[in-house]
Amino acid sequence: MPELPEVEITARLIGAATAGKRIESALAPGVNALRTYDPPLPAIEGRQITGVTRRGKLFEVGLEDELTLLIHLMSAGRLQLFDTRASLRDRTSRFLLRLDDGRELRLREFGTKQAAWVKLLRAEDLEAEDTLAKLGPEAFPDPPPFAELLDAPRPLHGLLRDQRVLAGIGRSWVDEILHGAMLSPFKRGSELSDHEAGVLHEATIAALAGRSPTTRMSSRCRSRTSCRCRSLSIAVTASRVRAVATRSRRCSTRTT
């Protein structure tokens, strides 16, 4: 499933490429892709695209006269901009937004689930939409402090992926975040110390920004025997395992 970094990058690129363009027509070949009927889909014809933004894992395509297309990719959807228009026989096409310059913004979905969807909403109805109303604060770029936010008796791996707690993180990036913070995925949120919550907060921002965290739990470890992170398999890379195995073989050879 596309997560926050992928959706953020796509929104920026498509937003820059379509800003100011007018919509010639809109089609929904996927019969269950369009989840709203008021306003009707033809109402966006001739309107200008004002921008493309992200909320959690969803796209918000802003239009003239305070209309917004809310798009959820679900697990197998892709939002792509094409120079040519799709055939209506293309089974992957779920929603087509045809621009006046001949290009086409296309929601495609692969697989058989057919779960991706689009909603056309007025500005005053946007925040009340069911999915958006349930989202927690954004995980990037400035999430709230984690000490209180994650104070729940649930494992961090599931807690960070709960969109009601923190919006945008899924299975792929939660592993990167916990690896960066060197915290066990099984540790409960209510068991985090203030220091651990701070390290996890910094690791979340760093992972989603594509950089290494400046602080890790391993910086508190004083020796291999007393290392609090020694048992965390998530923090052990394959190269380290190979290096340890090589050193062990050398030591055993010298001893014999």
C-alpha atoms as a PDB file:
ATOM      1  CA  MET A   1       0.000   0.000   0.000  1.00  0.00           C
ATOM      2  CA  PRO A   2       1.354   3.473  -0.867  1.00  0.00           C
ATOM      3  CA  GLU A   3       2.219   5.285   2.348  1.00  0.00           C
ATOM      4  CA  LEU A   4       2.960   8.853   3.383  1.00  0.00           C
ATOM      5  CA  PRO A   5       6.294   9.405   1.548  1.00  0.00           C
ATOM      6  CA  GLU A   6       5.009   7.949  -1.728  1.00  0.00           C
ATOM      7  CA  VAL A   7       1.743   9.882  -1.536  1.00  0.00           C
ATOM      8  CA  GLU A   8       3.553  13.113  -0.580  1.00  0.00           C
ATOM      9  CA  ILE A   9       5.971  12.875  -3.510  1.00  0.00           C
ATOM     10  CA  THR A  10       3.181  12.008  -5.959  1.00  0.00           C
ATOM     11  CA  ALA A  11       1.040  14.912  -4.726  1.00  0.00           C
ATOM     12  CA  ARG A  12       3.900  17.381  -5.159  1.00  0.00           C
ATOM     13  CA  LEU A  13       4.814  16.192  -8.654  1.00  0.00           C
ATOM     14  CA  ILE A  14       1.263  15.992  -9.960  1.00  0.00           C
ATOM     15  CA  GLY A  15       0.347  19.255  -8.261  1.00  0.00           C
ATOM     16  CA  ALA A  16       3.211  21.080  -9.969  1.00  0.00           C
ATOM     17  CA  ALA A  17       2.373  19.551 -13.353  1.00  0.00           C
ATOM     18  CA  THR A  18      -1.380  20.244 -13.285  1.00  0.00           C
ATOM     19  CA  ALA A  19      -1.710  23.559 -11.414  1.00  0.00           C
ATOM     20  CA  GLY A  20      -3.880  25.957 -13.370  1.00  0.00           C
ATOM     21  CA  LYS A  21      -5.052  23.349 -15.881  1.00  0.00           C
ATOM     22  CA  ARG A  22      -8.739  23.023 -16.661  1.00  0.00           C
ATOM     23  CA  ILE A  23     -10.763  19.836 -16.633  1.00  0.00           C
ATOM     24  CA  GLU A  24     -12.324  18.894 -19.940  1.00  0.00           C
ATOM     25  CA  SER A  25     -14.222  15.878 -18.644  1.00  0.00           C
ATOM     26  CA  ALA A  26     -14.270  13.259 -15.918  1.00  0.00           C
ATOM     27  CA  LEU A  27     -15.176   9.584 -16.195  1.00  0.00           C
ATOM     28  CA  ALA A  28     -15.497   6.758 -13.686  1.00  0.00           C
ATOM     29  CA  PRO A  29     -15.096   3.451 -15.564  1.00  0.00           C
ATOM     30  CA  GLY A  30     -14.912   1.651 -12.221  1.00  0.00           C
ATOM     31  CA  VAL A  31     -18.600   1.486 -11.306  1.00  0.00           C
ATOM     32  CA  ASN A  32     -17.917   1.498  -7.570  1.00  0.00           C
ATOM     33  CA  ALA A  33     -14.967   3.942  -7.665  1.00  0.00           C
ATOM     34  CA  LEU A  34     -17.048   7.106  -7.362  1.00  0.00           C
ATOM     35  CA  ARG A  35     -18.540   7.153  -3.866  1.00  0.00           C
ATOM     36  CA  THR A  36     -20.564  10.402  -4.028  1.00  0.00           C
ATOM     37  CA  TYR A  37     -23.382  11.720  -6.205  1.00  0.00           C
ATOM     38  CA  ASP A  38     -23.863  15.279  -4.905  1.00  0.00           C
ATOM     39  CA  PRO A  39     -22.330  17.357  -6.428  1.00  0.00           C
ATOM     40  CA  PRO A  40     -22.600  15.345  -9.663  1.00  0.00           C
ATOM     41  CA  LEU A  41     -19.370  14.491 -11.448  1.00  0.00           C
ATOM     42  CA  PRO A  42     -20.104  16.709 -14.527  1.00  0.00           C
ATOM     43  CA  ALA A  43     -20.023  19.708 -12.147  1.00  0.00           C
ATOM     44  CA  ILE A  44     -16.211  19.744 -12.320  1.00  0.00           C
ATOM     45  CA  GLU A  45     -16.047  20.091 -16.101  1.00  0.00           C
ATOM     46  CA  GLY A  46     -14.387  23.358 -17.073  1.00  0.00           C
ATOM     47  CA  ARG A  47     -13.070  24.000 -13.577  1.00  0.00           C
ATOM     48  CA  GLN A  48      -9.437  24.792 -12.898  1.00  0.00           C
ATOM     49  CA  ILE A  49      -7.171  22.623 -10.727  1.00  0.00           C
ATOM     50  CA  THR A  50      -5.858  24.771  -7.874  1.00  0.00           C
ATOM     51  CA  GLY A  51      -3.488  22.246  -6.324  1.00  0.00           C
ATOM     52  CA  VAL A  52      -2.879  18.699  -5.141  1.00  0.00           C
ATOM     53  CA  THR A  53      -2.178  18.036  -1.470  1.00  0.00           C
ATOM     54  CA  ARG A  54      -2.052  15.089   0.918  1.00  0.00           C
ATOM     55  CA  ARG A  55      -3.892  14.158   4.109  1.00  0.00           C
ATOM     56  CA  GLY A  56      -2.612  10.959   5.659  1.00  0.00           C
ATOM     57  CA  LYS A  57      -2.504   8.520   2.734  1.00  0.00           C
ATOM     58  CA  LEU A  58      -5.188  10.333   0.757  1.00  0.00           C
ATOM     59  CA  PHE A  59      -4.949  12.853  -2.085  1.00  0.00           C
ATOM     60  CA  GLU A  60      -6.907  16.092  -2.134  1.00  0.00           C
ATOM     61  CA  VAL A  61      -7.239  17.589  -5.616  1.00  0.00           C
ATOM     62  CA  GLY A  62      -8.413  21.166  -5.145  1.00  0.00           C
ATOM     63  CA  LEU A  63     -10.726  22.694  -7.759  1.00  0.00           C
ATOM     64  CA  GLU A  64     -12.260  26.074  -8.457  1.00  0.00           C
ATOM     65  CA  ASP A  65     -15.352  27.133  -6.517  1.00  0.00           C
ATOM     66  CA  GLU A  66     -14.286  25.236  -3.389  1.00  0.00           C
ATOM     67  CA  LEU A  67     -14.690  21.714  -4.698  1.00  0.00           C
ATOM     68  CA  THR A  68     -12.282  18.895  -3.847  1.00  0.00           C
ATOM     69  CA  LEU A  69     -11.658  15.443  -5.262  1.00  0.00           C
ATOM     70  CA  LEU A  70     -10.691  13.133  -2.385  1.00  0.00           C
ATOM     71  CA  ILE A  71      -8.821  10.063  -3.625  1.00  0.00           C
ATOM     72  CA  HIS A  72      -7.858   6.955  -1.646  1.00  0.00           C
ATOM     73  CA  LEU A  73      -5.524   4.469  -3.350  1.00  0.00           C
ATOM     74  CA  MET A  74      -6.193   1.695  -0.829  1.00  0.00           C
ATOM     75  CA  SER A  75      -3.718  -1.191  -1.258  1.00  0.00           C
ATOM     76  CA  ALA A  76      -3.263  -1.431  -5.030  1.00  0.00           C
ATOM     77  CA  GLY A  77      -4.171   1.973  -6.481  1.00  0.00           C
ATOM     78  CA  ARG A  78      -1.903   4.356  -8.384  1.00  0.00           C
ATOM     79  CA  LEU A  79      -2.495   8.002  -9.326  1.00  0.00           C
ATOM     80  CA  GLN A  80      -0.600   8.825 -12.513  1.00  0.00           C
ATOM     81  CA  LEU A  81      -0.480  11.600 -15.102  1.00  0.00           C
ATOM     82  CA  PHE A  82      -0.379  10.491 -18.739  1.00  0.00           C
ATOM     83  CA  ASP A  83       0.241  12.389 -21.973  1.00  0.00           C
ATOM     84  CA  THR A  84      -2.363  10.292 -23.792  1.00  0.00           C
ATOM     85  CA  ARG A  85      -5.825   9.165 -22.801  1.00  0.00           C
ATOM     86  CA  ALA A  86      -6.744   5.662 -21.742  1.00  0.00           C
ATOM     87  CA  SER A  87      -9.055   3.386 -23.621  1.00  0.00           C
ATOM     88  CA  LEU A  88     -12.297   2.707 -21.807  1.00  0.00           C
ATOM     89  CA  ARG A  89     -11.449  -0.967 -22.233  1.00  0.00           C
ATOM     90  CA  ASP A  90      -8.492  -0.576 -19.878  1.00  0.00           C
ATOM     91  CA  ARG A  91      -9.605  -2.625 -16.894  1.00  0.00           C
ATOM     92  CA  THR A  92      -7.096  -0.978 -14.565  1.00  0.00           C
ATOM     93  CA  SER A  93      -8.634   2.484 -15.040  1.00  0.00           C
ATOM     94  CA  ARG A  94     -10.919   3.402 -12.163  1.00  0.00           C
ATOM     95  CA  PHE A  95     -11.224   7.177 -12.582  1.00  0.00           C
ATOM     96  CA  LEU A  96     -10.169   9.449 -15.453  1.00  0.00           C
ATOM     97  CA  LEU A  97      -9.681  13.201 -15.204  1.00  0.00           C
ATOM     98  CA  ARG A  98      -9.157  14.558 -18.696  1.00  0.00           C
ATOM     99  CA  LEU A  99      -7.420  17.927 -18.964  1.00  0.00           C
ATOM    100  CA  ASP A 100      -7.839  20.577 -21.643  1.00  0.00           C
ATOM    101  CA  ASP A 101      -4.230  20.160 -22.798  1.00  0.00           C
ATOM    102  CA  GLY A 102      -4.807  16.526 -23.833  1.00  0.00           C
ATOM    103  CA  ARG A 103      -3.271  14.898 -20.770  1.00  0.00           C
ATOM    104  CA  GLU A 104      -5.104  12.666 -18.343  1.00  0.00           C
ATOM    105  CA  LEU A 105      -4.888  12.173 -14.585  1.00  0.00           C
ATOM    106  CA  ARG A 106      -5.671   8.524 -14.104  1.00  0.00           C
ATOM    107  CA  LEU A 107      -6.518   6.485 -11.021  1.00  0.00           C
ATOM    108  CA  ARG A 108      -5.497   2.929 -11.776  1.00  0.00           C
ATOM    109  CA  GLU A 109      -5.898  -0.150  -9.630  1.00  0.00           C
ATOM    110  CA  PHE A 110      -4.343  -3.559 -10.027  1.00  0.00           C
ATOM    111  CA  GLY A 111      -5.722  -6.812  -8.678  1.00  0.00           C
ATOM    112  CA  THR A 112      -9.268  -7.959  -8.076  1.00  0.00           C
ATOM    113  CA  LYS A 113     -10.282  -6.145  -4.888  1.00  0.00           C
ATOM    114  CA  GLN A 114     -11.469  -2.942  -6.616  1.00  0.00           C
ATOM    115  CA  ALA A 115     -11.205  -0.937  -3.383  1.00  0.00           C
ATOM    116  CA  ALA A 116      -9.744   2.429  -4.500  1.00  0.00           C
ATOM    117  CA  TRP A 117     -12.259   5.263  -4.424  1.00  0.00           C
ATOM    118  CA  VAL A 118     -12.931   8.902  -5.289  1.00  0.00           C
ATOM    119  CA  LYS A 119     -15.279  11.400  -3.651  1.00  0.00           C
ATOM    120  CA  LEU A 120     -16.280  14.812  -4.976  1.00  0.00           C
ATOM    121  CA  LEU A 121     -16.900  17.072  -1.984  1.00  0.00           C
ATOM    122  CA  ARG A 122     -17.690  20.686  -1.239  1.00  0.00           C
ATOM    123  CA  ALA A 123     -15.236  22.550   0.986  1.00  0.00           C
ATOM    124  CA  GLU A 124     -17.659  22.668   3.915  1.00  0.00           C
ATOM    125  CA  ASP A 125     -18.153  18.893   3.767  1.00  0.00           C
ATOM    126  CA  LEU A 126     -14.493  17.926   3.519  1.00  0.00           C
ATOM    127  CA  GLU A 127     -13.479  17.721   7.189  1.00  0.00           C
ATOM    128  CA  ALA A 128     -16.699  15.883   8.057  1.00  0.00           C
ATOM    129  CA  GLU A 129     -15.978  13.114   5.545  1.00  0.00           C
ATOM    130  CA  ASP A 130     -15.846   9.770   7.387  1.00  0.00           C
ATOM    131  CA  THR A 131     -12.256   8.811   6.577  1.00  0.00           C
ATOM    132  CA  LEU A 132     -10.779  12.270   7.176  1.00  0.00           C
ATOM    133  CA  ALA A 133     -12.746  12.785  10.392  1.00  0.00           C
ATOM    134  CA  LYS A 134     -11.168   9.683  11.923  1.00  0.00           C
ATOM    135  CA  LEU A 135      -7.566  10.540  11.062  1.00  0.00           C
ATOM    136  CA  GLY A 136      -5.143  11.446  13.811  1.00  0.00           C
ATOM    137  CA  PRO A 137      -2.445  14.149  13.527  1.00  0.00           C
ATOM    138  CA  GLU A 138      -0.024  14.048  10.621  1.00  0.00           C
ATOM    139  CA  ALA A 139       3.109  11.924  11.065  1.00  0.00           C
ATOM    140  CA  PHE A 140       5.101  14.387   8.917  1.00  0.00           C
ATOM    141  CA  PRO A 141       6.565  16.968   8.912  1.00  0.00           C
ATOM    142  CA  ASP A 142       5.700  18.087  12.449  1.00  0.00           C
ATOM    143  CA  PRO A 143       3.964  15.395  14.519  1.00  0.00           C
ATOM    144  CA  PRO A 144       2.965  16.189  18.115  1.00  0.00           C
ATOM    145  CA  PRO A 145       5.108  14.862  21.008  1.00  0.00           C
ATOM    146  CA  PHE A 146       4.842  11.081  21.334  1.00  0.00           C
ATOM    147  CA  ALA A 147       4.907  10.739  25.123  1.00  0.00           C
ATOM    148  CA  GLU A 148       1.205  11.512  25.436  1.00  0.00           C
ATOM    149  CA  LEU A 149       0.125  10.567  21.918  1.00  0.00           C
ATOM    150  CA  LEU A 150       1.359   6.964  22.202  1.00  0.00           C
ATOM    151  CA  ASP A 151       0.424   6.460  25.843  1.00  0.00           C
ATOM    152  CA  ALA A 152      -1.642   3.309  25.282  1.00  0.00           C
ATOM    153  CA  PRO A 153      -1.127  -0.359  26.319  1.00  0.00           C
ATOM    154  CA  ARG A 154      -0.593  -1.481  22.730  1.00  0.00           C
ATOM    155  CA  PRO A 155       2.540  -2.650  20.855  1.00  0.00           C
ATOM    156  CA  LEU A 156       4.316   0.142  19.013  1.00  0.00           C
ATOM    157  CA  HIS A 157       4.157  -1.703  15.698  1.00  0.00           C
ATOM    158  CA  GLY A 158       0.369  -1.549  15.659  1.00  0.00           C
ATOM    159  CA  LEU A 159       0.054   1.758  17.465  1.00  0.00           C
ATOM    160  CA  LEU A 160       2.140   3.696  14.940  1.00  0.00           C
ATOM    161  CA  ARG A 161       0.129   2.202  12.057  1.00  0.00           C
ATOM    162  CA  ASP A 162      -3.220   3.157  13.566  1.00  0.00           C
ATOM    163  CA  GLN A 163      -4.451   6.027  11.379  1.00  0.00           C
ATOM    164  CA  ARG A 164      -6.642   7.261  14.239  1.00  0.00           C
ATOM    165  CA  VAL A 165      -3.489   7.794  16.307  1.00  0.00           C
ATOM    166  CA  LEU A 166      -1.039   9.012  13.654  1.00  0.00           C
ATOM    167  CA  ALA A 167      -1.900   9.541   9.986  1.00  0.00           C
ATOM    168  CA  GLY A 168       0.266   8.288   7.149  1.00  0.00           C
ATOM    169  CA  ILE A 169       2.379   5.398   8.472  1.00  0.00           C
ATOM    170  CA  GLY A 170       1.869   1.812   7.284  1.00  0.00           C
ATOM    171  CA  ARG A 171       3.590  -1.552   7.511  1.00  0.00           C
ATOM    172  CA  SER A 172       6.594  -0.632   5.374  1.00  0.00           C
ATOM    173  CA  TRP A 173       7.626   2.554   7.129  1.00  0.00           C
ATOM    174  CA  VAL A 174       6.880   1.478  10.689  1.00  0.00           C
ATOM    175  CA  ASP A 175       9.716  -1.064  10.379  1.00  0.00           C
ATOM    176  CA  GLU A 176      12.109   1.651   9.206  1.00  0.00           C
ATOM    177  CA  ILE A 177      11.062   3.959  12.031  1.00  0.00           C
ATOM    178  CA  LEU A 178      11.470   1.375  14.784  1.00  0.00           C
ATOM    179  CA  HIS A 179      14.791   0.286  13.315  1.00  0.00           C
ATOM    180  CA  GLY A 180      15.999   3.888  13.366  1.00  0.00           C
ATOM    181  CA  ALA A 181      14.914   4.341  16.968  1.00  0.00           C
ATOM    182  CA  MET A 182      16.209   0.851  17.892  1.00  0.00           C
ATOM    183  CA  LEU A 183      13.033   0.050  19.782  1.00  0.00           C
ATOM    184  CA  SER A 184      11.256  -3.286  19.889  1.00  0.00           C
ATOM    185  CA  PRO A 185       8.038  -3.484  17.842  1.00  0.00           C
ATOM    186  CA  PHE A 186       6.524  -5.364  20.787  1.00  0.00           C
ATOM    187  CA  LYS A 187       7.213  -2.623  23.329  1.00  0.00           C
ATOM    188  CA  ARG A 188       3.982  -1.018  24.466  1.00  0.00           C
ATOM    189  CA  GLY A 189       3.377   2.676  24.028  1.00  0.00           C
ATOM    190  CA  SER A 190       2.507   3.087  27.701  1.00  0.00           C
ATOM    191  CA  GLU A 191       5.944   1.679  28.616  1.00  0.00           C
ATOM    192  CA  LEU A 192       7.923   4.357  26.740  1.00  0.00           C
ATOM    193  CA  SER A 193      10.133   6.581  28.835  1.00  0.00           C
ATOM    194  CA  ASP A 194      10.316  10.273  27.989  1.00  0.00           C
ATOM    195  CA  HIS A 195      13.705   9.691  26.372  1.00  0.00           C
ATOM    196  CA  GLU A 196      12.428   6.781  24.275  1.00  0.00           C
ATOM    197  CA  ALA A 197       9.402   8.794  23.168  1.00  0.00           C
ATOM    198  CA  GLY A 198      11.713  11.599  22.064  1.00  0.00           C
ATOM    199  CA  VAL A 199      14.001   9.223  20.174  1.00  0.00           C
ATOM    200  CA  LEU A 200      11.011   7.624  18.435  1.00  0.00           C
ATOM    201  CA  HIS A 201       9.613  11.037  17.513  1.00  0.00           C
ATOM    202  CA  GLU A 202      12.920  12.072  15.932  1.00  0.00           C
ATOM    203  CA  ALA A 203      13.285   8.709  14.161  1.00  0.00           C
ATOM    204  CA  THR A 204       9.797   9.051  12.669  1.00  0.00           C
ATOM    205  CA  ILE A 205      10.543  12.452  11.151  1.00  0.00           C
ATOM    206  CA  ALA A 206      13.963  11.282   9.951  1.00  0.00           C
ATOM    207  CA  ALA A 207      12.663   8.108   8.287  1.00  0.00           C
ATOM    208  CA  LEU A 208       9.838   9.880   6.484  1.00  0.00           C
ATOM    209  CA  ALA A 209      12.216  12.648   5.381  1.00  0.00           C
ATOM    210  CA  GLY A 210      14.677  10.097   4.028  1.00  0.00           C
ATOM    211  CA  ARG A 211      17.542  10.764   6.420  1.00  0.00           C
ATOM    212  CA  SER A 212      19.190   8.970   9.327  1.00  0.00           C
ATOM    213  CA  PRO A 213      18.126   9.890  12.869  1.00  0.00           C
ATOM    214  CA  THR A 214      20.651  11.870  14.892  1.00  0.00           C
ATOM    215  CA  THR A 215      19.679  10.090  18.118  1.00  0.00           C
ATOM    216  CA  ARG A 216      19.246   6.373  18.687  1.00  0.00           C
ATOM    217  CA  MET A 217      18.637   4.210  21.687  1.00  0.00           C
ATOM    218  CA  SER A 218      21.991   2.544  21.049  1.00  0.00           C
ATOM    219  CA  SER A 219      23.769   5.740  22.128  1.00  0.00           C
ATOM    220  CA  ARG A 220      22.769   4.863  25.700  1.00  0.00           C
ATOM    221  CA  CYS A 221      24.347   1.406  25.543  1.00  0.00           C
ATOM    222  CA  ARG A 222      27.713   1.270  27.324  1.00  0.00           C
ATOM    223  CA  SER A 223      28.853  -2.239  26.496  1.00  0.00           C
ATOM    224  CA  ARG A 224      27.819  -5.317  24.576  1.00  0.00           C
ATOM    225  CA  THR A 225      26.898  -7.198  27.735  1.00  0.00           C
ATOM    226  CA  SER A 226      24.717  -4.419  29.119  1.00  0.00           C
ATOM    227  CA  CYS A 227      23.287  -3.317  25.769  1.00  0.00           C
ATOM    228  CA  ARG A 228      19.555  -2.760  26.144  1.00  0.00           C
ATOM    229  CA  CYS A 229      19.126  -3.143  22.387  1.00  0.00           C
ATOM    230  CA  ARG A 230      21.112  -6.386  22.021  1.00  0.00           C
ATOM    231  CA  SER A 231      18.007  -8.558  21.837  1.00  0.00           C
ATOM    232  CA  LEU A 232      16.231  -6.491  19.213  1.00  0.00           C
ATOM    233  CA  SER A 233      16.532  -8.426  15.997  1.00  0.00           C
ATOM    234  CA  ILE A 234      15.035  -5.468  14.141  1.00  0.00           C
ATOM    235  CA  ALA A 235      18.199  -3.480  14.832  1.00  0.00           C
ATOM    236  CA  VAL A 236      20.650  -6.153  13.656  1.00  0.00           C
ATOM    237  CA  THR A 237      21.623  -5.885  10.019  1.00  0.00           C
ATOM    238  CA  ALA A 238      22.733  -8.772   7.843  1.00  0.00           C
ATOM    239  CA  SER A 239      26.212  -7.289   7.495  1.00  0.00           C
ATOM    240  CA  ARG A 240      26.687  -7.216  11.261  1.00  0.00           C
ATOM    241  CA  VAL A 241      25.559 -10.820  11.549  1.00  0.00           C
ATOM    242  CA  ARG A 242      28.054 -11.886   8.882  1.00  0.00           C
ATOM    243  CA  ALA A 243      30.848  -9.904  10.561  1.00  0.00           C
ATOM    244  CA  VAL A 244      30.181 -11.505  13.945  1.00  0.00           C
ATOM    245  CA  ALA A 245      30.084 -14.973  12.374  1.00  0.00           C
ATOM    246  CA  THR A 246      33.404 -14.330  10.602  1.00  0.00           C
ATOM    247  CA  ARG A 247      35.086 -13.165  13.802  1.00  0.00           C
ATOM    248  CA  SER A 248      33.780 -16.224  15.650  1.00  0.00           C
ATOM    249  CA  ARG A 249      35.239 -18.601  13.048  1.00  0.00           C
ATOM    250  CA  ARG A 250      38.601 -16.828  13.218  1.00  0.00           C
ATOM    251  CA  CYS A 251      38.694 -17.053  16.985  1.00  0.00           C
ATOM    252  CA  SER A 252      37.832 -20.757  16.986  1.00  0.00           C
ATOM    253  CA  THR A 253      40.548 -21.436  14.386  1.00  0.00           C
ATOM    254  CA  ARG A 254      43.185 -19.659  16.478  1.00  0.00           C
ATOM    255  CA  THR A 255      42.144 -21.541  19.596  1.00  0.00           C
ATOM    256  CA  THR A 256      42.448 -24.960  17.976  1.00  0.00           C
END
